[in-house]
Amino acid sequence: PVVLWFTGLSGSGKSTVANAVERKLLSLGKHSYLLDGDNVRHGLNKDL
């Protein structure tokens, strides 16, 4: 288990690349979860 911490400017491609990586992990039978900046602000961090 590990955290893959994608960092970069807005529009750099963080979410797109991370999503593609997770898709590849799934195809390899690996267990993963993607925490996306915008998605998290809809719930856990919507007060920030």
All heavy atoms as atom14 arrays in JSON, in Angstrom:
{
  "sequence": "PVVLWFTGLSGSGKSTVANAVERKLLSLGKHSYLLDGDNVRHGLNKDL",
  "atom14_mask": [
    [1, 1, 1, 1, 1, 1, 1, 0, 0, 0, 0, 0, 0, 0],
    [1, 1, 1, 1, 1, 1, 1, 0, 0, 0, 0, 0, 0, 0],
    [1, 1, 1, 1, 1, 1, 1, 0, 0, 0, 0, 0, 0, 0],
    [1, 1, 1, 1, 1, 1, 1, 1, 0, 0, 0, 0, 0, 0],
    [1, 1, 1, 1, 1, 1, 1, 1, 1, 1, 1, 1, 1, 1],
    [1, 1, 1, 1, 1, 1, 1, 1, 1, 1, 1, 0, 0, 0],
    [1, 1, 1, 1, 1, 1, 1, 0, 0, 0, 0, 0, 0, 0],
    [1, 1, 1, 1, 0, 0, 0, 0, 0, 0, 0, 0, 0, 0],
    [1, 1, 1, 1, 1, 1, 1, 1, 0, 0, 0, 0, 0, 0],
    [1, 1, 1, 1, 1, 1, 0, 0, 0, 0, 0, 0, 0, 0],
    [1, 1, 1, 1, 0, 0, 0, 0, 0, 0, 0, 0, 0, 0],
    [1, 1, 1, 1, 1, 1, 0, 0, 0, 0, 0, 0, 0, 0],
    [1, 1, 1, 1, 0, 0, 0, 0, 0, 0, 0, 0, 0, 0],
    [1, 1, 1, 1, 1, 1, 1, 1, 1, 0, 0, 0, 0, 0],
    [1, 1, 1, 1, 1, 1, 0, 0, 0, 0, 0, 0, 0, 0],
    [1, 1, 1, 1, 1, 1, 1, 0, 0, 0, 0, 0, 0, 0],
    [1, 1, 1, 1, 1, 1, 1, 0, 0, 0, 0, 0, 0, 0],
    [1, 1, 1, 1, 1, 0, 0, 0, 0, 0, 0, 0, 0, 0],
    [1, 1, 1, 1, 1, 1, 1, 1, 0, 0, 0, 0, 0, 0],
    [1, 1, 1, 1, 1, 0, 0, 0, 0, 0, 0, 0, 0, 0],
    [1, 1, 1, 1, 1, 1, 1, 0, 0, 0, 0, 0, 0, 0],
    [1, 1, 1, 1, 1, 1, 1, 1, 1, 0, 0, 0, 0, 0],
    [1, 1, 1, 1, 1, 1, 1, 1, 1, 1, 1, 0, 0, 0],
    [1, 1, 1, 1, 1, 1, 1, 1, 1, 0, 0, 0, 0, 0],
    [1, 1, 1, 1, 1, 1, 1, 1, 0, 0, 0, 0, 0, 0],
    [1, 1, 1, 1, 1, 1, 1, 1, 0, 0, 0, 0, 0, 0],
    [1, 1, 1, 1, 1, 1, 0, 0, 0, 0, 0, 0, 0, 0],
    [1, 1, 1, 1, 1, 1, 1, 1, 0, 0, 0, 0, 0, 0],
    [1, 1, 1, 1, 0, 0, 0, 0, 0, 0, 0, 0, 0, 0],
    [1, 1, 1, 1, 1, 1, 1, 1, 1, 0, 0, 0, 0, 0],
    [1, 1, 1, 1, 1, 1, 1, 1, 1, 1, 0, 0, 0, 0],
    [1, 1, 1, 1, 1, 1, 0, 0, 0, 0, 0, 0, 0, 0],
    [1, 1, 1, 1, 1, 1, 1, 1, 1, 1, 1, 1, 0, 0],
    [1, 1, 1, 1, 1, 1, 1, 1, 0, 0, 0, 0, 0, 0],
    [1, 1, 1, 1, 1, 1, 1, 1, 0, 0, 0, 0, 0, 0],
    [1, 1, 1, 1, 1, 1, 1, 1, 0, 0, 0, 0, 0, 0],
    [1, 1, 1, 1, 0, 0, 0, 0, 0, 0, 0, 0, 0, 0],
    [1, 1, 1, 1, 1, 1, 1, 1, 0, 0, 0, 0, 0, 0],
    [1, 1, 1, 1, 1, 1, 1, 1, 0, 0, 0, 0, 0, 0],
    [1, 1, 1, 1, 1, 1, 1, 0, 0, 0, 0, 0, 0, 0],
    [1, 1, 1, 1, 1, 1, 1, 1, 1, 1, 1, 0, 0, 0],
    [1, 1, 1, 1, 1, 1, 1, 1, 1, 1, 0, 0, 0, 0],
    [1, 1, 1, 1, 0, 0, 0, 0, 0, 0, 0, 0, 0, 0],
    [1, 1, 1, 1, 1, 1, 1, 1, 0, 0, 0, 0, 0, 0],
    [1, 1, 1, 1, 1, 1, 1, 1, 0, 0, 0, 0, 0, 0],
    [1, 1, 1, 1, 1, 1, 1, 1, 1, 0, 0, 0, 0, 0],
    [1, 1, 1, 1, 1, 1, 1, 1, 0, 0, 0, 0, 0, 0],
    [1, 1, 1, 1, 1, 1, 1, 1, 0, 0, 0, 0, 0, 0]
  ],
  "atom14_positions": [
    [[0.82, -1.21, 0.0], [0.0, 0.0, 0.0], [0.85, 1.25, 0.0], [1.93, 1.31, 0.61], [-0.81, -0.13, 1.29], [0.02, -1.0, 2.18], [0.71, -1.97, 1.25], [0.0, 0.0, 0.0], [0.0, 0.0, 0.0], [0.0, 0.0, 0.0], [0.0, 0.0, 0.0], [0.0, 0.0, 0.0], [0.0, 0.0, 0.0], [0.0, 0.0, 0.0]],
    [[0.38, 2.27, -0.7], [1.15, 3.51, -0.84], [0.21, 4.64, -1.24], [-0.88, 4.39, -1.8], [2.25, 3.32, -1.92], [1.65, 3.13, -3.3], [3.25, 4.47, -1.9], [0.0, 0.0, 0.0], [0.0, 0.0, 0.0], [0.0, 0.0, 0.0], [0.0, 0.0, 0.0], [0.0, 0.0, 0.0], [0.0, 0.0, 0.0], [0.0, 0.0, 0.0]],
    [[0.62, 5.85, -0.95], [-0.09, 7.04, -1.44], [0.66, 7.58, -2.65], [1.85, 7.88, -2.56], [-0.18, 8.14, -0.35], [-0.79, 9.41, -0.95], [-0.99, 7.66, 0.84], [0.0, 0.0, 0.0], [0.0, 0.0, 0.0], [0.0, 0.0, 0.0], [0.0, 0.0, 0.0], [0.0, 0.0, 0.0], [0.0, 0.0, 0.0], [0.0, 0.0, 0.0]],
    [[-0.02, 7.68, -3.76], [0.51, 8.35, -4.95], [-0.04, 9.77, -4.93], [-1.22, 9.99, -5.21], [0.07, 7.62, -6.22], [0.68, 6.24, -6.46], [-0.04, 5.55, -7.62], [2.17, 6.37, -6.77], [0.0, 0.0, 0.0], [0.0, 0.0, 0.0], [0.0, 0.0, 0.0], [0.0, 0.0, 0.0], [0.0, 0.0, 0.0], [0.0, 0.0, 0.0]],
    [[0.8, 10.72, -4.56], [0.34, 12.11, -4.36], [0.65, 12.92, -5.62], [1.75, 13.42, -5.81], [1.03, 12.71, -3.14], [0.4, 14.01, -2.71], [0.66, 15.25, -3.21], [-0.6, 14.17, -1.7], [-0.12, 16.19, -2.58], [-0.9, 15.55, -1.66], [-1.27, 13.3, -0.85], [-1.84, 16.07, -0.77], [-2.2, 13.81, 0.04], [-2.48, 15.19, 0.07]],
    [[-0.36, 13.08, -6.47], [-0.22, 13.85, -7.71], [-0.37, 15.34, -7.38], [-1.4, 15.77, -6.87], [-1.28, 13.45, -8.73], [-1.11, 12.06, -9.28], [-1.5, 10.94, -8.55], [-0.55, 11.87, -10.55], [-1.33, 9.67, -9.07], [-0.39, 10.59, -11.07], [-0.77, 9.49, -10.32], [0.0, 0.0, 0.0], [0.0, 0.0, 0.0], [0.0, 0.0, 0.0]],
    [[0.65, 16.11, -7.68], [0.63, 17.55, -7.43], [1.04, 18.3, -8.69], [1.86, 17.83, -9.48], [1.56, 17.94, -6.26], [1.57, 19.37, -6.11], [2.98, 17.46, -6.49], [0.0, 0.0, 0.0], [0.0, 0.0, 0.0], [0.0, 0.0, 0.0], [0.0, 0.0, 0.0], [0.0, 0.0, 0.0], [0.0, 0.0, 0.0], [0.0, 0.0, 0.0]],
    [[0.47, 19.47, -8.89], [0.77, 20.29, -10.06], [-0.26, 21.38, -10.2], [-1.26, 21.44, -9.47], [0.0, 0.0, 0.0], [0.0, 0.0, 0.0], [0.0, 0.0, 0.0], [0.0, 0.0, 0.0], [0.0, 0.0, 0.0], [0.0, 0.0, 0.0], [0.0, 0.0, 0.0], [0.0, 0.0, 0.0], [0.0, 0.0, 0.0], [0.0, 0.0, 0.0]],
    [[-0.02, 22.27, -11.13], [-0.93, 23.39, -11.36], [-2.3, 22.92, -11.84], [-2.45, 21.81, -12.35], [-0.34, 24.34, -12.41], [0.93, 25.1, -12.02], [1.52, 25.78, -13.26], [0.64, 26.12, -10.93], [0.0, 0.0, 0.0], [0.0, 0.0, 0.0], [0.0, 0.0, 0.0], [0.0, 0.0, 0.0], [0.0, 0.0, 0.0], [0.0, 0.0, 0.0]],
    [[-3.29, 23.78, -11.69], [-4.6, 23.51, -12.28], [-4.44, 23.37, -13.79], [-3.76, 24.18, -14.42], [-5.55, 24.67, -11.96], [-6.81, 24.47, -12.58], [0.0, 0.0, 0.0], [0.0, 0.0, 0.0], [0.0, 0.0, 0.0], [0.0, 0.0, 0.0], [0.0, 0.0, 0.0], [0.0, 0.0, 0.0], [0.0, 0.0, 0.0], [0.0, 0.0, 0.0]],
    [[-5.01, 22.32, -14.35], [-4.89, 22.11, -15.79], [-3.66, 21.34, -16.2], [-3.42, 21.11, -17.39], [0.0, 0.0, 0.0], [0.0, 0.0, 0.0], [0.0, 0.0, 0.0], [0.0, 0.0, 0.0], [0.0, 0.0, 0.0], [0.0, 0.0, 0.0], [0.0, 0.0, 0.0], [0.0, 0.0, 0.0], [0.0, 0.0, 0.0], [0.0, 0.0, 0.0]],
    [[-2.85, 20.91, -15.22], [-1.62, 20.18, -15.54], [-1.91, 18.76, -16.0], [-1.09, 18.15, -16.7], [-0.68, 20.16, -14.34], [-1.28, 19.48, -13.25], [0.0, 0.0, 0.0], [0.0, 0.0, 0.0], [0.0, 0.0, 0.0], [0.0, 0.0, 0.0], [0.0, 0.0, 0.0], [0.0, 0.0, 0.0], [0.0, 0.0, 0.0], [0.0, 0.0, 0.0]],
    [[-3.05, 18.23, -15.59], [-3.41, 16.87, -15.98], [-3.38, 15.89, -14.82], [-3.42, 14.67, -15.02], [0.0, 0.0, 0.0], [0.0, 0.0, 0.0], [0.0, 0.0, 0.0], [0.0, 0.0, 0.0], [0.0, 0.0, 0.0], [0.0, 0.0, 0.0], [0.0, 0.0, 0.0], [0.0, 0.0, 0.0], [0.0, 0.0, 0.0], [0.0, 0.0, 0.0]],
    [[-3.35, 16.39, -13.59], [-3.27, 15.53, -12.41], [-4.38, 14.5, -12.37], [-4.14, 13.29, -12.25], [-3.33, 16.37, -11.12], [-2.22, 17.36, -10.95], [-2.39, 18.12, -9.65], [-3.69, 18.89, -9.55], [-3.83, 19.93, -10.6], [0.0, 0.0, 0.0], [0.0, 0.0, 0.0], [0.0, 0.0, 0.0], [0.0, 0.0, 0.0], [0.0, 0.0, 0.0]],
    [[-5.62, 14.97, -12.43], [-6.76, 14.07, -12.32], [-6.83, 13.11, -13.5], [-7.15, 11.92, -13.33], [-8.07, 14.87, -12.23], [-8.1, 15.63, -11.04], [0.0, 0.0, 0.0], [0.0, 0.0, 0.0], [0.0, 0.0, 0.0], [0.0, 0.0, 0.0], [0.0, 0.0, 0.0], [0.0, 0.0, 0.0], [0.0, 0.0, 0.0], [0.0, 0.0, 0.0]],
    [[-6.52, 13.61, -14.68], [-6.58, 12.78, -15.88], [-5.56, 11.65, -15.82], [-5.87, 10.48, -16.11], [-6.35, 13.63, -17.14], [-7.3, 14.7, -17.17], [-6.51, 12.8, -18.4], [0.0, 0.0, 0.0], [0.0, 0.0, 0.0], [0.0, 0.0, 0.0], [0.0, 0.0, 0.0], [0.0, 0.0, 0.0], [0.0, 0.0, 0.0], [0.0, 0.0, 0.0]],
    [[-4.34, 11.99, -15.44], [-3.28, 10.98, -15.34], [-3.59, 10.01, -14.2], [-3.45, 8.79, -14.36], [-1.9, 11.63, -15.13], [-0.85, 10.56, -14.9], [-1.54, 12.49, -16.34], [0.0, 0.0, 0.0], [0.0, 0.0, 0.0], [0.0, 0.0, 0.0], [0.0, 0.0, 0.0], [0.0, 0.0, 0.0], [0.0, 0.0, 0.0], [0.0, 0.0, 0.0]],
    [[-4.0, 10.54, -13.05], [-4.31, 9.67, -11.91], [-5.43, 8.7, -12.26], [-5.38, 7.52, -11.88], [-4.7, 10.52, -10.7], [0.0, 0.0, 0.0], [0.0, 0.0, 0.0], [0.0, 0.0, 0.0], [0.0, 0.0, 0.0], [0.0, 0.0, 0.0], [0.0, 0.0, 0.0], [0.0, 0.0, 0.0], [0.0, 0.0, 0.0], [0.0, 0.0, 0.0]],
    [[-6.43, 9.17, -12.98], [-7.53, 8.32, -13.39], [-7.03, 7.21, -14.32], [-7.44, 6.04, -14.2], [-8.6, 9.14, -14.09], [-9.84, 8.33, -14.42], [-10.55, 7.88, -13.52], [-10.1, 8.13, -15.7], [0.0, 0.0, 0.0], [0.0, 0.0, 0.0], [0.0, 0.0, 0.0], [0.0, 0.0, 0.0], [0.0, 0.0, 0.0], [0.0, 0.0, 0.0]],
    [[-6.13, 7.56, -15.22], [-5.57, 6.57, -16.15], [-4.72, 5.54, -15.4], [-4.73, 4.35, -15.73], [-4.74, 7.26, -17.22], [0.0, 0.0, 0.0], [0.0, 0.0, 0.0], [0.0, 0.0, 0.0], [0.0, 0.0, 0.0], [0.0, 0.0, 0.0], [0.0, 0.0, 0.0], [0.0, 0.0, 0.0], [0.0, 0.0, 0.0], [0.0, 0.0, 0.0]],
    [[-4.0, 6.0, -14.38], [-3.21, 5.08, -13.57], [-4.12, 4.12, -12.82], [-3.86, 2.9, -12.78], [-2.32, 5.85, -12.57], [-1.66, 4.89, -11.56], [-1.24, 6.64, -13.3], [0.0, 0.0, 0.0], [0.0, 0.0, 0.0], [0.0, 0.0, 0.0], [0.0, 0.0, 0.0], [0.0, 0.0, 0.0], [0.0, 0.0, 0.0], [0.0, 0.0, 0.0]],
    [[-5.19, 4.64, -12.24], [-6.09, 3.75, -11.51], [-6.73, 2.73, -12.43], [-6.93, 1.57, -12.04], [-7.17, 4.54, -10.76], [-7.96, 3.61, -9.84], [-9.03, 4.29, -9.02], [-9.62, 5.27, -9.49], [-9.29, 3.81, -7.9], [0.0, 0.0, 0.0], [0.0, 0.0, 0.0], [0.0, 0.0, 0.0], [0.0, 0.0, 0.0], [0.0, 0.0, 0.0]],
    [[-7.07, 3.12, -13.64], [-7.63, 2.18, -14.6], [-6.63, 1.06, -14.88], [-7.01, -0.12, -14.97], [-8.0, 2.93, -15.88], [-8.47, 2.05, -17.04], [-9.64, 1.17, -16.69], [-10.82, 1.95, -16.28], [-11.97, 1.39, -15.92], [-12.09, 0.07, -15.9], [-12.99, 2.13, -15.56], [0.0, 0.0, 0.0], [0.0, 0.0, 0.0], [0.0, 0.0, 0.0]],
    [[-5.37, 1.4, -15.01], [-4.34, 0.39, -15.24], [-4.18, -0.52, -14.02], [-4.0, -1.74, -14.16], [-3.0, 1.07, -15.57], [-2.91, 1.64, -16.99], [-1.56, 2.31, -17.23], [-1.4, 2.73, -18.68], [-1.23, 1.59, -19.59], [0.0, 0.0, 0.0], [0.0, 0.0, 0.0], [0.0, 0.0, 0.0], [0.0, 0.0, 0.0], [0.0, 0.0, 0.0]],
    [[-4.25, 0.06, -12.83], [-4.16, -0.74, -11.62], [-5.32, -1.74, -11.54], [-5.13, -2.9, -11.15], [-4.15, 0.16, -10.38], [-2.88, 0.98, -10.14], [-3.11, 1.99, -9.02], [-1.7, 0.08, -9.81], [0.0, 0.0, 0.0], [0.0, 0.0, 0.0], [0.0, 0.0, 0.0], [0.0, 0.0, 0.0], [0.0, 0.0, 0.0], [0.0, 0.0, 0.0]],
    [[-6.49, -1.28, -11.9], [-7.66, -2.16, -11.91], [-7.46, -3.33, -12.87], [-7.77, -4.48, -12.54], [-8.91, -1.37, -12.29], [-10.23, -2.17, -12.33], [-10.6, -2.66, -10.93], [-11.35, -1.33, -12.93], [0.0, 0.0, 0.0], [0.0, 0.0, 0.0], [0.0, 0.0, 0.0], [0.0, 0.0, 0.0], [0.0, 0.0, 0.0], [0.0, 0.0, 0.0]],
    [[-6.92, -3.04, -14.04], [-6.7, -4.09, -15.03], [-5.66, -5.11, -14.55], [-5.66, -6.26, -15.01], [-6.25, -3.48, -16.36], [-4.93, -2.96, -16.27], [0.0, 0.0, 0.0], [0.0, 0.0, 0.0], [0.0, 0.0, 0.0], [0.0, 0.0, 0.0], [0.0, 0.0, 0.0], [0.0, 0.0, 0.0], [0.0, 0.0, 0.0], [0.0, 0.0, 0.0]],
    [[-4.82, -4.68, -13.61], [-3.81, -5.57, -13.04], [-4.32, -6.29, -11.79], [-3.58, -7.04, -11.15], [-2.54, -4.78, -12.69], [-1.77, -4.19, -13.88], [-0.68, -3.25, -13.38], [-1.16, -5.3, -14.74], [0.0, 0.0, 0.0], [0.0, 0.0, 0.0], [0.0, 0.0, 0.0], [0.0, 0.0, 0.0], [0.0, 0.0, 0.0], [0.0, 0.0, 0.0]],
    [[-5.57, -6.05, -11.46], [-6.17, -6.7, -10.29], [-5.76, -6.09, -8.97], [-5.84, -6.75, -7.92], [0.0, 0.0, 0.0], [0.0, 0.0, 0.0], [0.0, 0.0, 0.0], [0.0, 0.0, 0.0], [0.0, 0.0, 0.0], [0.0, 0.0, 0.0], [0.0, 0.0, 0.0], [0.0, 0.0, 0.0], [0.0, 0.0, 0.0], [0.0, 0.0, 0.0]],
    [[-5.35, -4.82, -8.98], [-4.91, -4.15, -7.76], [-6.04, -3.34, -7.14], [-6.97, -2.91, -7.81], [-3.7, -3.26, -8.05], [-2.51, -4.01, -8.64], [-2.09, -5.19, -7.76], [-0.97, -6.0, -8.39], [-0.61, -7.18, -7.55], [0.0, 0.0, 0.0], [0.0, 0.0, 0.0], [0.0, 0.0, 0.0], [0.0, 0.0, 0.0], [0.0, 0.0, 0.0]],
    [[-5.93, -3.15, -5.83], [-6.95, -2.43, -5.06], [-6.51, -0.99, -4.85], [-5.47, -0.73, -4.25], [-7.15, -3.11, -3.71], [-7.59, -4.53, -3.81], [-8.89, -4.93, -3.62], [-6.89, -5.65, -4.11], [-8.99, -6.23, -3.78], [-7.79, -6.7, -4.09], [0.0, 0.0, 0.0], [0.0, 0.0, 0.0], [0.0, 0.0, 0.0], [0.0, 0.0, 0.0]],
    [[-7.31, -0.05, -5.34], [-6.93, 1.36, -5.25], [-8.16, 2.24, -5.09], [-9.3, 1.79, -5.25], [-6.17, 1.78, -6.52], [-7.03, 1.7, -7.65], [0.0, 0.0, 0.0], [0.0, 0.0, 0.0], [0.0, 0.0, 0.0], [0.0, 0.0, 0.0], [0.0, 0.0, 0.0], [0.0, 0.0, 0.0], [0.0, 0.0, 0.0], [0.0, 0.0, 0.0]],
    [[-7.9, 3.5, -4.75], [-8.99, 4.49, -4.7], [-8.41, 5.87, -5.0], [-7.35, 6.23, -4.48], [-9.68, 4.53, -3.34], [-10.99, 5.29, -3.4], [-12.16, 4.65, -3.83], [-11.05, 6.64, -3.08], [-13.35, 5.34, -3.93], [-12.23, 7.34, -3.18], [-13.39, 6.69, -3.6], [-14.56, 7.38, -3.72], [0.0, 0.0, 0.0], [0.0, 0.0, 0.0]],
    [[-9.11, 6.6, -5.86], [-8.68, 7.94, -6.26], [-9.44, 9.01, -5.51], [-10.68, 9.06, -5.57], [-8.87, 8.12, -7.78], [-8.66, 9.52, -8.35], [-7.26, 10.03, -8.05], [-8.92, 9.52, -9.87], [0.0, 0.0, 0.0], [0.0, 0.0, 0.0], [0.0, 0.0, 0.0], [0.0, 0.0, 0.0], [0.0, 0.0, 0.0], [0.0, 0.0, 0.0]],
    [[-8.71, 9.85, -4.8], [-9.28, 11.01, -4.12], [-8.97, 12.24, -4.97], [-7.82, 12.65, -5.08], [-8.66, 11.16, -2.73], [-8.94, 10.03, -1.74], [-7.95, 10.08, -0.58], [-10.37, 10.13, -1.23], [0.0, 0.0, 0.0], [0.0, 0.0, 0.0], [0.0, 0.0, 0.0], [0.0, 0.0, 0.0], [0.0, 0.0, 0.0], [0.0, 0.0, 0.0]],
    [[-10.0, 12.8, -5.58], [-9.82, 13.95, -6.48], [-10.15, 15.25, -5.76], [-11.13, 15.31, -4.98], [-10.71, 13.79, -7.71], [-10.6, 14.97, -8.66], [-9.58, 15.05, -9.37], [-11.49, 15.83, -8.65], [0.0, 0.0, 0.0], [0.0, 0.0, 0.0], [0.0, 0.0, 0.0], [0.0, 0.0, 0.0], [0.0, 0.0, 0.0], [0.0, 0.0, 0.0]],
    [[-9.37, 16.28, -6.03], [-9.53, 17.55, -5.34], [-10.93, 18.14, -5.42], [-11.51, 18.54, -4.4], [0.0, 0.0, 0.0], [0.0, 0.0, 0.0], [0.0, 0.0, 0.0], [0.0, 0.0, 0.0], [0.0, 0.0, 0.0], [0.0, 0.0, 0.0], [0.0, 0.0, 0.0], [0.0, 0.0, 0.0], [0.0, 0.0, 0.0], [0.0, 0.0, 0.0]],
    [[-11.5, 18.2, -6.62], [-12.84, 18.76, -6.78], [-13.89, 17.89, -6.11], [-14.82, 18.39, -5.47], [-13.17, 18.92, -8.27], [-12.48, 20.13, -8.89], [-11.86, 20.9, -8.14], [-12.57, 20.3, -10.11], [0.0, 0.0, 0.0], [0.0, 0.0, 0.0], [0.0, 0.0, 0.0], [0.0, 0.0, 0.0], [0.0, 0.0, 0.0], [0.0, 0.0, 0.0]],
    [[-13.77, 16.58, -6.26], [-14.76, 15.67, -5.69], [-14.8, 15.77, -4.17], [-15.88, 15.77, -3.56], [-14.46, 14.23, -6.12], [-14.66, 14.01, -7.61], [-15.13, 14.9, -8.31], [-14.29, 12.85, -8.09], [0.0, 0.0, 0.0], [0.0, 0.0, 0.0], [0.0, 0.0, 0.0], [0.0, 0.0, 0.0], [0.0, 0.0, 0.0], [0.0, 0.0, 0.0]],
    [[-13.64, 15.85, -3.55], [-13.59, 15.91, -2.09], [-14.22, 17.2, -1.58], [-14.82, 17.23, -0.5], [-12.13, 15.78, -1.61], [-12.0, 16.1, -0.13], [-11.63, 14.37, -1.88], [0.0, 0.0, 0.0], [0.0, 0.0, 0.0], [0.0, 0.0, 0.0], [0.0, 0.0, 0.0], [0.0, 0.0, 0.0], [0.0, 0.0, 0.0], [0.0, 0.0, 0.0]],
    [[-14.11, 18.27, -2.34], [-14.71, 19.55, -1.93], [-16.23, 19.55, -2.05], [-16.89, 20.48, -1.61], [-14.09, 20.7, -2.74], [-12.71, 21.12, -2.22], [-12.17, 22.32, -2.96], [-10.89, 22.78, -2.42], [-10.75, 23.63, -1.42], [-11.82, 24.12, -0.83], [-9.55, 24.01, -1.01], [0.0, 0.0, 0.0], [0.0, 0.0, 0.0], [0.0, 0.0, 0.0]],
    [[-16.8, 18.52, -2.65], [-18.26, 18.39, -2.68], [-18.81, 17.81, -1.38], [-20.01, 17.88, -1.12], [-18.7, 17.5, -3.86], [-18.78, 18.23, -5.15], [-17.69, 18.44, -5.98], [-19.83, 18.83, -5.79], [-18.06, 19.12, -7.05], [-19.34, 19.37, -6.96], [0.0, 0.0, 0.0], [0.0, 0.0, 0.0], [0.0, 0.0, 0.0], [0.0, 0.0, 0.0]],
    [[-17.94, 17.2, -0.59], [-18.41, 16.55, 0.63], [-17.55, 16.86, 1.82], [-17.79, 17.82, 2.56], [0.0, 0.0, 0.0], [0.0, 0.0, 0.0], [0.0, 0.0, 0.0], [0.0, 0.0, 0.0], [0.0, 0.0, 0.0], [0.0, 0.0, 0.0], [0.0, 0.0, 0.0], [0.0, 0.0, 0.0], [0.0, 0.0, 0.0], [0.0, 0.0, 0.0]],
    [[-16.51, 16.06, 2.03], [-15.64, 16.17, 3.21], [-15.14, 17.59, 3.44], [-15.12, 18.08, 4.57], [-14.45, 15.22, 3.05], [-13.39, 15.25, 4.15], [-13.98, 14.77, 5.48], [-12.19, 14.4, 3.75], [0.0, 0.0, 0.0], [0.0, 0.0, 0.0], [0.0, 0.0, 0.0], [0.0, 0.0, 0.0], [0.0, 0.0, 0.0], [0.0, 0.0, 0.0]],
    [[-14.74, 18.27, 2.36], [-14.13, 19.59, 2.51], [-14.98, 20.72, 1.92], [-14.45, 21.76, 1.54], [-12.74, 19.59, 1.86], [-11.76, 18.72, 2.62], [-12.03, 18.31, 3.75], [-10.63, 18.41, 2.02], [0.0, 0.0, 0.0], [0.0, 0.0, 0.0], [0.0, 0.0, 0.0], [0.0, 0.0, 0.0], [0.0, 0.0, 0.0], [0.0, 0.0, 0.0]],
    [[-16.28, 20.53, 1.87], [-17.13, 21.55, 1.26], [-17.22, 22.83, 2.1], [-17.67, 23.87, 1.6], [-18.52, 21.0, 0.99], [-19.35, 20.68, 2.23], [-20.72, 20.14, 1.8], [-21.59, 19.79, 2.99], [-22.91, 19.27, 2.55], [0.0, 0.0, 0.0], [0.0, 0.0, 0.0], [0.0, 0.0, 0.0], [0.0, 0.0, 0.0], [0.0, 0.0, 0.0]],
    [[-16.77, 22.75, 3.35], [-16.79, 23.93, 4.21], [-15.55, 24.79, 4.05], [-15.44, 25.86, 4.66], [-16.91, 23.51, 5.68], [-15.76, 22.63, 6.13], [-15.35, 21.74, 5.35], [-15.27, 22.82, 7.26], [0.0, 0.0, 0.0], [0.0, 0.0, 0.0], [0.0, 0.0, 0.0], [0.0, 0.0, 0.0], [0.0, 0.0, 0.0], [0.0, 0.0, 0.0]],
    [[-14.61, 24.37, 3.2], [-13.34, 25.1, 3.06], [-13.32, 25.97, 1.81], [-13.87, 25.59, 0.77], [-12.18, 24.1, 2.99], [-11.98, 23.21, 4.22], [-10.85, 22.23, 3.98], [-11.72, 24.05, 5.48], [0.0, 0.0, 0.0], [0.0, 0.0, 0.0], [0.0, 0.0, 0.0], [0.0, 0.0, 0.0], [0.0, 0.0, 0.0], [0.0, 0.0, 0.0]]
  ]
}
